[in-house]
Amino acid sequence: MLLDPAEFSFVPPLEAAFEVFRTELERVGRTAFTAWPDRGAYVGNWLGLPLFMASHHPAVGPLFAPNQQRCPATMQVLRGIPSLVAAGFSWMEPGCHILPHVDVKPPDVLRTHLGLRIPDRAVLRVGAEHFTWQEGRCLVFDGTIEHETANLSDRPRVVLLIDARLNARELDYLRDCSARG
């Protein structure tokens, strides 16, 4: 189940900064990315450029400071959104499949993807539903519902992956959506 991005205060500043993020992504390029360390979670080439995360794989923490230095404009925008608890660029090469999983996180934290470079045939499944990204738009979903992604295209798929802590109104909206199924 996707959630309505208009319900979340962190979405407008993310979408407004789309060009900042994409310009910085193009400047740093693929060579700044590293293979995601949890290799049992995916098939193919999944690369990350993690900027900060409240909880993370031990191999990721040492990457935060150098990646933040590589992405000063991105970090300036992200620091202006106080509810963010994690952010990083996620790069999936053609043929990559991030296997079905459930995120372990506090109930007041939501996963969001901002589409930066989206080819045709890149898909996200949340529960029983399939979705595609749009460049410059956020997909907001409850990561505690089983989900997976696949890049079935011949070009890379890149998103800015965000985790945000919800305020009371946003948390009520999430609970209402969850109750409706």
N, C-alpha and C. Protein backbone atom coordinates (compact mmCIF):
# COMPACT_ATOMS: atom_id res chain seq x y z
N MET A 1 0.84 -1.17 0.00
CA MET A 1 0.00 0.00 0.00
C MET A 1 0.89 1.24 0.00
N LEU A 2 0.66 2.09 -0.98
CA LEU A 2 1.32 3.39 -0.98
C LEU A 2 0.48 4.37 -0.18
N LEU A 3 1.15 5.32 0.42
CA LEU A 3 0.46 6.34 1.20
C LEU A 3 0.47 7.65 0.41
N ASP A 4 -0.49 8.51 0.69
CA ASP A 4 -0.61 9.78 -0.03
C ASP A 4 0.53 10.71 0.40
N PRO A 5 1.44 11.05 -0.52
CA PRO A 5 2.57 11.91 -0.15
C PRO A 5 2.13 13.28 0.37
N ALA A 6 0.96 13.75 -0.03
CA ALA A 6 0.47 15.05 0.42
C ALA A 6 0.21 15.09 1.92
N GLU A 7 0.13 13.93 2.55
CA GLU A 7 -0.14 13.85 3.99
C GLU A 7 1.12 14.04 4.86
N PHE A 8 2.29 14.16 4.24
CA PHE A 8 3.53 14.16 5.01
C PHE A 8 4.33 15.44 4.81
N SER A 9 4.67 16.07 5.91
CA SER A 9 5.35 17.37 5.86
C SER A 9 6.74 17.31 5.26
N PHE A 10 7.40 16.17 5.26
CA PHE A 10 8.75 16.06 4.73
C PHE A 10 8.79 15.91 3.21
N VAL A 11 7.65 15.61 2.58
CA VAL A 11 7.63 15.38 1.14
C VAL A 11 7.83 16.65 0.32
N PRO A 12 7.11 17.76 0.58
CA PRO A 12 7.31 18.94 -0.26
C PRO A 12 8.76 19.44 -0.36
N PRO A 13 9.51 19.52 0.76
CA PRO A 13 10.89 19.97 0.58
C PRO A 13 11.77 18.98 -0.19
N LEU A 14 11.46 17.69 -0.08
CA LEU A 14 12.22 16.70 -0.86
C LEU A 14 11.94 16.87 -2.35
N GLU A 15 10.66 16.96 -2.71
CA GLU A 15 10.32 17.10 -4.12
C GLU A 15 10.79 18.44 -4.68
N ALA A 16 10.76 19.49 -3.87
CA ALA A 16 11.22 20.80 -4.33
C ALA A 16 12.72 20.80 -4.62
N ALA A 17 13.46 19.92 -3.96
CA ALA A 17 14.91 19.87 -4.12
C ALA A 17 15.35 18.80 -5.13
N PHE A 18 14.43 18.27 -5.90
CA PHE A 18 14.74 17.22 -6.87
C PHE A 18 15.96 17.58 -7.73
N GLU A 19 15.99 18.76 -8.29
CA GLU A 19 17.11 19.14 -9.17
C GLU A 19 18.43 19.20 -8.41
N VAL A 20 18.38 19.63 -7.16
CA VAL A 20 19.60 19.65 -6.33
C VAL A 20 20.14 18.23 -6.19
N PHE A 21 19.25 17.31 -5.83
CA PHE A 21 19.68 15.92 -5.63
C PHE A 21 20.18 15.29 -6.92
N ARG A 22 19.44 15.51 -7.99
CA ARG A 22 19.84 14.87 -9.25
C ARG A 22 21.13 15.47 -9.79
N THR A 23 21.30 16.78 -9.66
CA THR A 23 22.54 17.41 -10.11
C THR A 23 23.73 16.86 -9.33
N GLU A 24 23.57 16.71 -8.02
CA GLU A 24 24.66 16.18 -7.21
C GLU A 24 24.92 14.72 -7.54
N LEU A 25 23.88 13.94 -7.76
CA LEU A 25 24.03 12.55 -8.18
C LEU A 25 24.86 12.47 -9.46
N GLU A 26 24.53 13.29 -10.44
CA GLU A 26 25.27 13.27 -11.71
C GLU A 26 26.72 13.69 -11.51
N ARG A 27 26.94 14.64 -10.60
CA ARG A 27 28.30 15.11 -10.35
C ARG A 27 29.16 14.04 -9.69
N VAL A 28 28.62 13.36 -8.68
CA VAL A 28 29.44 12.36 -7.98
C VAL A 28 29.58 11.08 -8.80
N GLY A 29 28.55 10.73 -9.56
CA GLY A 29 28.64 9.58 -10.46
C GLY A 29 28.65 8.23 -9.76
N ARG A 30 28.58 7.20 -10.56
CA ARG A 30 28.50 5.82 -10.08
C ARG A 30 29.73 5.40 -9.28
N THR A 31 30.89 5.92 -9.61
CA THR A 31 32.11 5.47 -8.94
C THR A 31 32.12 5.80 -7.45
N ALA A 32 31.30 6.75 -7.01
CA ALA A 32 31.23 7.08 -5.58
C ALA A 32 30.41 6.06 -4.79
N PHE A 33 29.64 5.24 -5.49
CA PHE A 33 28.77 4.26 -4.84
C PHE A 33 29.54 3.00 -4.51
N THR A 34 29.06 2.28 -3.49
CA THR A 34 29.66 1.00 -3.10
C THR A 34 28.56 -0.06 -3.06
N ALA A 35 28.96 -1.31 -3.23
CA ALA A 35 27.99 -2.42 -3.14
C ALA A 35 27.36 -2.42 -1.75
N TRP A 36 26.05 -2.62 -1.71
CA TRP A 36 25.38 -2.70 -0.42
C TRP A 36 25.92 -3.92 0.31
N PRO A 37 26.33 -3.77 1.58
CA PRO A 37 27.05 -4.86 2.26
C PRO A 37 26.24 -6.10 2.60
N ASP A 38 24.93 -6.00 2.71
CA ASP A 38 24.12 -7.17 3.04
C ASP A 38 23.80 -7.93 1.75
N ARG A 39 24.77 -8.67 1.26
CA ARG A 39 24.66 -9.30 -0.06
C ARG A 39 23.60 -10.40 -0.14
N GLY A 40 23.13 -10.87 0.98
CA GLY A 40 22.05 -11.85 0.95
C GLY A 40 20.69 -11.23 0.70
N ALA A 41 20.62 -9.90 0.67
CA ALA A 41 19.34 -9.21 0.52
C ALA A 41 18.97 -8.95 -0.94
N TYR A 42 19.89 -9.23 -1.85
CA TYR A 42 19.62 -8.89 -3.25
C TYR A 42 20.40 -9.78 -4.20
N VAL A 43 19.96 -9.75 -5.46
CA VAL A 43 20.62 -10.45 -6.54
C VAL A 43 21.00 -9.38 -7.57
N GLY A 44 22.20 -9.44 -8.09
CA GLY A 44 22.63 -8.44 -9.07
C GLY A 44 23.47 -7.37 -8.39
N ASN A 45 23.44 -6.17 -8.95
CA ASN A 45 24.26 -5.08 -8.45
C ASN A 45 23.40 -3.98 -7.85
N TRP A 46 23.41 -3.93 -6.49
CA TRP A 46 22.72 -2.88 -5.75
C TRP A 46 23.81 -2.07 -5.08
N LEU A 47 23.86 -0.80 -5.40
CA LEU A 47 24.88 0.09 -4.88
C LEU A 47 24.24 1.16 -4.02
N GLY A 48 24.98 1.62 -3.04
CA GLY A 48 24.46 2.68 -2.18
C GLY A 48 25.48 3.77 -1.96
N LEU A 49 24.96 4.93 -1.67
CA LEU A 49 25.76 6.05 -1.21
C LEU A 49 25.04 6.57 0.03
N PRO A 50 25.24 5.88 1.17
CA PRO A 50 24.51 6.23 2.39
C PRO A 50 25.05 7.54 2.97
N LEU A 51 24.13 8.40 3.41
CA LEU A 51 24.50 9.69 3.97
C LEU A 51 24.38 9.71 5.49
N PHE A 52 23.31 9.15 6.02
CA PHE A 52 23.15 8.97 7.47
C PHE A 52 22.00 8.00 7.69
N MET A 53 22.08 7.23 8.78
CA MET A 53 21.04 6.25 9.10
C MET A 53 21.01 6.04 10.60
N ALA A 54 19.81 6.04 11.17
CA ALA A 54 19.66 5.82 12.61
C ALA A 54 20.14 4.43 13.00
N SER A 55 19.83 3.44 12.18
CA SER A 55 20.36 2.09 12.39
C SER A 55 20.88 1.61 11.04
N HIS A 56 21.96 0.85 11.08
CA HIS A 56 22.60 0.48 9.81
C HIS A 56 23.54 -0.70 9.99
N HIS A 57 23.87 -1.31 8.88
CA HIS A 57 24.87 -2.38 8.82
C HIS A 57 26.20 -1.78 9.28
N PRO A 58 27.00 -2.53 10.05
CA PRO A 58 28.27 -1.99 10.55
C PRO A 58 29.21 -1.45 9.47
N ALA A 59 29.16 -2.01 8.29
CA ALA A 59 30.06 -1.56 7.21
C ALA A 59 29.66 -0.21 6.63
N VAL A 60 28.45 0.24 6.94
CA VAL A 60 27.94 1.47 6.34
C VAL A 60 28.37 2.72 7.11
N GLY A 61 28.42 2.65 8.43
CA GLY A 61 28.73 3.82 9.26
C GLY A 61 29.96 4.61 8.84
N PRO A 62 31.09 3.95 8.53
CA PRO A 62 32.28 4.70 8.13
C PRO A 62 32.13 5.48 6.81
N LEU A 63 31.08 5.18 6.05
CA LEU A 63 30.86 5.86 4.77
C LEU A 63 30.15 7.20 4.93
N PHE A 64 29.50 7.43 6.07
CA PHE A 64 28.69 8.62 6.22
C PHE A 64 29.48 9.91 6.00
N ALA A 65 30.55 10.12 6.74
CA ALA A 65 31.29 11.39 6.65
C ALA A 65 31.83 11.66 5.24
N PRO A 66 32.52 10.70 4.60
CA PRO A 66 32.99 11.00 3.24
C PRO A 66 31.86 11.23 2.24
N ASN A 67 30.76 10.49 2.39
CA ASN A 67 29.65 10.68 1.47
C ASN A 67 28.97 12.03 1.69
N GLN A 68 28.87 12.46 2.94
CA GLN A 68 28.31 13.78 3.22
C GLN A 68 29.19 14.88 2.61
N GLN A 69 30.50 14.70 2.65
CA GLN A 69 31.41 15.67 2.03
C GLN A 69 31.26 15.69 0.51
N ARG A 70 30.97 14.54 -0.07
CA ARG A 70 30.76 14.46 -1.53
C ARG A 70 29.47 15.16 -1.96
N CYS A 71 28.53 15.27 -1.04
CA CYS A 71 27.18 15.74 -1.38
C CYS A 71 26.76 16.94 -0.52
N PRO A 72 27.50 18.05 -0.56
CA PRO A 72 27.18 19.17 0.33
C PRO A 72 25.82 19.82 0.07
N ALA A 73 25.43 19.94 -1.18
CA ALA A 73 24.13 20.57 -1.47
C ALA A 73 22.98 19.67 -1.00
N THR A 74 23.12 18.37 -1.23
CA THR A 74 22.12 17.42 -0.75
C THR A 74 22.02 17.49 0.77
N MET A 75 23.16 17.50 1.44
CA MET A 75 23.15 17.53 2.90
C MET A 75 22.53 18.83 3.43
N GLN A 76 22.75 19.92 2.75
CA GLN A 76 22.15 21.19 3.19
C GLN A 76 20.62 21.08 3.17
N VAL A 77 20.08 20.51 2.10
CA VAL A 77 18.62 20.33 2.02
C VAL A 77 18.15 19.37 3.11
N LEU A 78 18.81 18.22 3.24
CA LEU A 78 18.37 17.20 4.18
C LEU A 78 18.43 17.69 5.63
N ARG A 79 19.46 18.47 5.96
CA ARG A 79 19.57 19.01 7.32
C ARG A 79 18.43 19.97 7.64
N GLY A 80 17.80 20.52 6.63
CA GLY A 80 16.68 21.43 6.83
C GLY A 80 15.35 20.73 7.05
N ILE A 81 15.35 19.40 7.05
CA ILE A 81 14.12 18.62 7.26
C ILE A 81 14.33 17.81 8.54
N PRO A 82 13.92 18.35 9.68
CA PRO A 82 14.27 17.74 10.97
C PRO A 82 13.73 16.35 11.22
N SER A 83 12.69 15.92 10.51
CA SER A 83 12.09 14.61 10.79
C SER A 83 12.88 13.46 10.15
N LEU A 84 13.86 13.75 9.31
CA LEU A 84 14.59 12.68 8.63
C LEU A 84 15.54 11.97 9.59
N VAL A 85 15.52 10.63 9.56
CA VAL A 85 16.41 9.83 10.39
C VAL A 85 17.36 8.98 9.56
N ALA A 86 17.14 8.95 8.24
CA ALA A 86 18.03 8.20 7.35
C ALA A 86 17.88 8.76 5.94
N ALA A 87 19.02 8.76 5.23
CA ALA A 87 18.99 9.19 3.82
C ALA A 87 20.19 8.61 3.11
N GLY A 88 19.99 8.28 1.85
CA GLY A 88 21.08 7.80 1.02
C GLY A 88 20.58 7.56 -0.39
N PHE A 89 21.49 7.57 -1.33
CA PHE A 89 21.16 7.26 -2.71
C PHE A 89 21.21 5.74 -2.90
N SER A 90 20.23 5.21 -3.60
CA SER A 90 20.14 3.78 -3.88
C SER A 90 20.17 3.58 -5.39
N TRP A 91 21.17 2.83 -5.87
CA TRP A 91 21.41 2.62 -7.30
C TRP A 91 21.25 1.15 -7.60
N MET A 92 20.32 0.82 -8.48
CA MET A 92 20.12 -0.56 -8.92
C MET A 92 20.51 -0.67 -10.38
N GLU A 93 21.47 -1.51 -10.65
CA GLU A 93 21.85 -1.77 -12.03
C GLU A 93 20.77 -2.61 -12.71
N PRO A 94 20.74 -2.63 -14.04
CA PRO A 94 19.79 -3.49 -14.74
C PRO A 94 19.90 -4.94 -14.25
N GLY A 95 18.76 -5.56 -14.07
CA GLY A 95 18.72 -6.95 -13.62
C GLY A 95 18.78 -7.13 -12.11
N CYS A 96 19.00 -6.06 -11.37
CA CYS A 96 19.07 -6.17 -9.90
C CYS A 96 17.68 -6.43 -9.32
N HIS A 97 17.65 -7.25 -8.28
CA HIS A 97 16.41 -7.58 -7.58
C HIS A 97 16.71 -7.53 -6.09
N ILE A 98 16.09 -6.57 -5.39
CA ILE A 98 16.16 -6.55 -3.93
C ILE A 98 15.03 -7.45 -3.46
N LEU A 99 15.41 -8.51 -2.79
CA LEU A 99 14.48 -9.60 -2.46
C LEU A 99 13.40 -9.15 -1.48
N PRO A 100 12.28 -9.88 -1.43
CA PRO A 100 11.22 -9.54 -0.49
C PRO A 100 11.74 -9.45 0.94
N HIS A 101 11.33 -8.39 1.61
CA HIS A 101 11.78 -8.17 2.99
C HIS A 101 10.82 -7.24 3.70
N VAL A 102 11.00 -7.16 5.00
CA VAL A 102 10.26 -6.25 5.87
C VAL A 102 11.29 -5.45 6.64
N ASP A 103 11.15 -4.14 6.63
CA ASP A 103 12.08 -3.29 7.37
C ASP A 103 11.76 -3.36 8.86
N VAL A 104 12.80 -3.38 9.66
CA VAL A 104 12.64 -3.35 11.11
C VAL A 104 12.95 -1.92 11.53
N LYS A 105 11.92 -1.22 11.97
CA LYS A 105 12.09 0.16 12.39
C LYS A 105 10.97 0.53 13.35
N PRO A 106 11.12 1.63 14.05
CA PRO A 106 10.05 2.06 14.96
C PRO A 106 8.74 2.30 14.19
N PRO A 107 7.60 2.14 14.84
CA PRO A 107 6.31 2.28 14.15
C PRO A 107 6.03 3.71 13.66
N ASP A 108 6.80 4.69 14.14
CA ASP A 108 6.56 6.07 13.72
C ASP A 108 7.56 6.54 12.66
N VAL A 109 8.21 5.58 11.98
CA VAL A 109 9.17 5.92 10.92
C VAL A 109 8.68 5.29 9.61
N LEU A 110 8.67 6.11 8.55
CA LEU A 110 8.22 5.64 7.24
C LEU A 110 9.34 5.72 6.22
N ARG A 111 9.29 4.81 5.27
CA ARG A 111 10.24 4.76 4.16
C ARG A 111 9.66 5.57 2.99
N THR A 112 10.52 6.33 2.35
CA THR A 112 10.15 7.13 1.18
C THR A 112 11.25 7.00 0.14
N HIS A 113 10.85 6.91 -1.12
CA HIS A 113 11.79 6.93 -2.25
C HIS A 113 11.46 8.15 -3.10
N LEU A 114 12.44 8.98 -3.37
CA LEU A 114 12.30 10.08 -4.33
C LEU A 114 12.96 9.63 -5.62
N GLY A 115 12.18 9.51 -6.69
CA GLY A 115 12.71 9.06 -7.97
C GLY A 115 13.68 10.08 -8.56
N LEU A 116 14.90 9.64 -8.87
CA LEU A 116 15.91 10.52 -9.47
C LEU A 116 16.23 10.13 -10.91
N ARG A 117 16.41 8.86 -11.14
CA ARG A 117 16.68 8.35 -12.49
C ARG A 117 15.87 7.06 -12.62
N ILE A 118 14.77 7.15 -13.34
CA ILE A 118 13.80 6.05 -13.35
C ILE A 118 13.59 5.55 -14.78
N PRO A 119 14.09 4.37 -15.09
CA PRO A 119 13.83 3.78 -16.41
C PRO A 119 12.48 3.07 -16.41
N ASP A 120 11.98 2.80 -17.60
CA ASP A 120 10.80 1.95 -17.71
C ASP A 120 11.17 0.57 -17.15
N ARG A 121 10.19 -0.11 -16.59
CA ARG A 121 10.34 -1.48 -16.11
C ARG A 121 11.15 -1.60 -14.82
N ALA A 122 11.22 -0.51 -14.06
CA ALA A 122 11.73 -0.59 -12.69
C ALA A 122 10.50 -0.59 -11.79
N VAL A 123 10.40 -1.58 -10.91
CA VAL A 123 9.16 -1.76 -10.16
C VAL A 123 9.41 -1.93 -8.66
N LEU A 124 8.40 -1.53 -7.91
CA LEU A 124 8.36 -1.70 -6.46
C LEU A 124 7.08 -2.45 -6.15
N ARG A 125 7.21 -3.52 -5.36
CA ARG A 125 6.04 -4.23 -4.87
C ARG A 125 5.94 -3.98 -3.38
N VAL A 126 4.77 -3.55 -2.93
CA VAL A 126 4.46 -3.40 -1.51
C VAL A 126 3.20 -4.21 -1.27
N GLY A 127 3.31 -5.24 -0.43
CA GLY A 127 2.18 -6.15 -0.26
C GLY A 127 1.90 -6.84 -1.58
N ALA A 128 0.66 -6.77 -2.03
CA ALA A 128 0.29 -7.43 -3.30
C ALA A 128 0.26 -6.44 -4.47
N GLU A 129 0.59 -5.18 -4.22
CA GLU A 129 0.48 -4.16 -5.26
C GLU A 129 1.85 -3.81 -5.85
N HIS A 130 1.85 -3.50 -7.15
CA HIS A 130 3.07 -3.11 -7.86
C HIS A 130 2.99 -1.65 -8.27
N PHE A 131 4.12 -0.96 -8.16
CA PHE A 131 4.19 0.47 -8.44
C PHE A 131 5.44 0.78 -9.24
N THR A 132 5.44 1.95 -9.86
CA THR A 132 6.64 2.48 -10.50
C THR A 132 6.89 3.87 -9.94
N TRP A 133 8.11 4.29 -10.02
CA TRP A 133 8.50 5.62 -9.56
C TRP A 133 8.30 6.61 -10.68
N GLN A 134 8.26 7.89 -10.29
CA GLN A 134 8.30 9.00 -11.24
C GLN A 134 9.44 9.90 -10.81
N GLU A 135 10.19 10.37 -11.77
CA GLU A 135 11.29 11.28 -11.44
C GLU A 135 10.71 12.55 -10.80
N GLY A 136 11.31 12.93 -9.67
CA GLY A 136 10.89 14.13 -8.96
C GLY A 136 9.73 13.95 -8.01
N ARG A 137 9.22 12.73 -7.89
CA ARG A 137 8.08 12.46 -7.01
C ARG A 137 8.45 11.41 -5.96
N CYS A 138 7.82 11.54 -4.80
CA CYS A 138 8.06 10.61 -3.70
C CYS A 138 7.02 9.50 -3.69
N LEU A 139 7.49 8.29 -3.45
CA LEU A 139 6.63 7.17 -3.10
C LEU A 139 6.83 6.94 -1.60
N VAL A 140 5.74 7.00 -0.85
CA VAL A 140 5.79 6.82 0.61
C VAL A 140 5.09 5.52 0.92
N PHE A 141 5.76 4.65 1.68
CA PHE A 141 5.15 3.36 2.01
C PHE A 141 5.60 2.89 3.38
N ASP A 142 4.82 1.99 3.92
CA ASP A 142 5.11 1.40 5.22
C ASP A 142 6.05 0.22 5.00
N GLY A 143 7.31 0.39 5.38
CA GLY A 143 8.31 -0.64 5.17
C GLY A 143 8.11 -1.87 6.03
N THR A 144 7.16 -1.82 6.97
CA THR A 144 6.88 -3.02 7.76
C THR A 144 5.96 -3.98 7.01
N ILE A 145 5.50 -3.57 5.82
CA ILE A 145 4.76 -4.46 4.92
C ILE A 145 5.79 -5.04 3.96
N GLU A 146 5.69 -6.34 3.69
CA GLU A 146 6.68 -6.96 2.80
C GLU A 146 6.75 -6.21 1.48
N HIS A 147 7.98 -5.94 1.03
CA HIS A 147 8.19 -5.23 -0.22
C HIS A 147 9.47 -5.72 -0.89
N GLU A 148 9.58 -5.41 -2.17
CA GLU A 148 10.76 -5.75 -2.95
C GLU A 148 10.83 -4.81 -4.15
N THR A 149 12.01 -4.71 -4.73
CA THR A 149 12.18 -3.90 -5.94
C THR A 149 12.95 -4.71 -6.96
N ALA A 150 12.70 -4.36 -8.22
CA ALA A 150 13.43 -5.01 -9.32
C ALA A 150 13.63 -4.00 -10.44
N ASN A 151 14.80 -4.06 -11.03
CA ASN A 151 15.07 -3.23 -12.19
C ASN A 151 15.15 -4.15 -13.40
N LEU A 152 14.05 -4.20 -14.13
CA LEU A 152 13.94 -5.08 -15.29
C LEU A 152 14.32 -4.37 -16.58
N SER A 153 14.87 -3.18 -16.47
CA SER A 153 15.22 -2.38 -17.64
C SER A 153 16.68 -2.60 -18.04
N ASP A 154 17.12 -1.81 -19.00
CA ASP A 154 18.53 -1.89 -19.42
C ASP A 154 19.32 -0.66 -18.98
N ARG A 155 18.75 0.12 -18.04
CA ARG A 155 19.42 1.31 -17.50
C ARG A 155 19.33 1.30 -15.98
N PRO A 156 20.22 2.01 -15.28
CA PRO A 156 20.15 2.05 -13.82
C PRO A 156 18.89 2.76 -13.31
N ARG A 157 18.45 2.32 -12.14
CA ARG A 157 17.38 3.00 -11.40
C ARG A 157 18.02 3.61 -10.17
N VAL A 158 17.80 4.91 -9.94
CA VAL A 158 18.37 5.58 -8.78
C VAL A 158 17.27 6.36 -8.07
N VAL A 159 17.21 6.16 -6.75
CA VAL A 159 16.29 6.91 -5.91
C VAL A 159 17.06 7.47 -4.72
N LEU A 160 16.52 8.53 -4.14
CA LEU A 160 16.98 8.98 -2.84
C LEU A 160 16.08 8.28 -1.84
N LEU A 161 16.68 7.43 -1.02
CA LEU A 161 15.95 6.65 -0.02
C LEU A 161 15.95 7.44 1.28
N ILE A 162 14.78 7.62 1.85
CA ILE A 162 14.61 8.45 3.05
C ILE A 162 13.80 7.67 4.08
N ASP A 163 14.17 7.80 5.34
CA ASP A 163 13.32 7.38 6.45
C ASP A 163 13.01 8.64 7.24
N ALA A 164 11.73 8.84 7.56
CA ALA A 164 11.31 10.04 8.30
C ALA A 164 10.46 9.64 9.49
N ARG A 165 10.69 10.34 10.59
CA ARG A 165 9.89 10.16 11.80
C ARG A 165 8.62 10.99 11.65
N LEU A 166 7.48 10.38 11.95
CA LEU A 166 6.19 11.03 11.75
C LEU A 166 5.79 11.88 12.94
N ASN A 167 5.12 12.99 12.66
CA ASN A 167 4.52 13.78 13.74
C ASN A 167 3.19 13.12 14.10
N ALA A 168 2.51 13.65 15.10
CA ALA A 168 1.28 13.01 15.62
C ALA A 168 0.21 12.91 14.54
N ARG A 169 -0.01 13.94 13.74
CA ARG A 169 -1.03 13.92 12.70
C ARG A 169 -0.69 12.87 11.64
N GLU A 170 0.57 12.83 11.24
CA GLU A 170 1.01 11.86 10.23
C GLU A 170 0.88 10.43 10.74
N LEU A 171 1.20 10.24 12.01
CA LEU A 171 1.08 8.91 12.61
C LEU A 171 -0.38 8.47 12.68
N ASP A 172 -1.29 9.40 12.99
CA ASP A 172 -2.72 9.09 12.97
C ASP A 172 -3.17 8.68 11.57
N TYR A 173 -2.68 9.40 10.55
CA TYR A 173 -3.01 9.05 9.17
C TYR A 173 -2.52 7.64 8.83
N LEU A 174 -1.28 7.32 9.21
CA LEU A 174 -0.73 5.99 8.95
C LEU A 174 -1.57 4.92 9.64
N ARG A 175 -1.92 5.15 10.89
CA ARG A 175 -2.74 4.17 11.63
C ARG A 175 -4.10 3.98 10.97
N ASP A 176 -4.69 5.08 10.51
CA ASP A 176 -5.99 5.00 9.84
C ASP A 176 -5.87 4.19 8.55
N CYS A 177 -4.83 4.44 7.77
CA CYS A 177 -4.61 3.69 6.53
C CYS A 177 -4.38 2.21 6.81
N SER A 178 -3.60 1.93 7.85
CA SER A 178 -3.31 0.53 8.21
C SER A 178 -4.58 -0.19 8.65
N ALA A 179 -5.43 0.51 9.37
CA ALA A 179 -6.67 -0.10 9.84
C ALA A 179 -7.62 -0.43 8.68
N ARG A 180 -7.57 0.40 7.62
CA ARG A 180 -8.42 0.18 6.44
C ARG A 180 -7.84 -0.91 5.55
N GLY A 181 -6.53 -1.22 5.77
CA GLY A 181 -5.90 -2.29 5.01
C GLY A 181 -5.49 -1.84 3.69
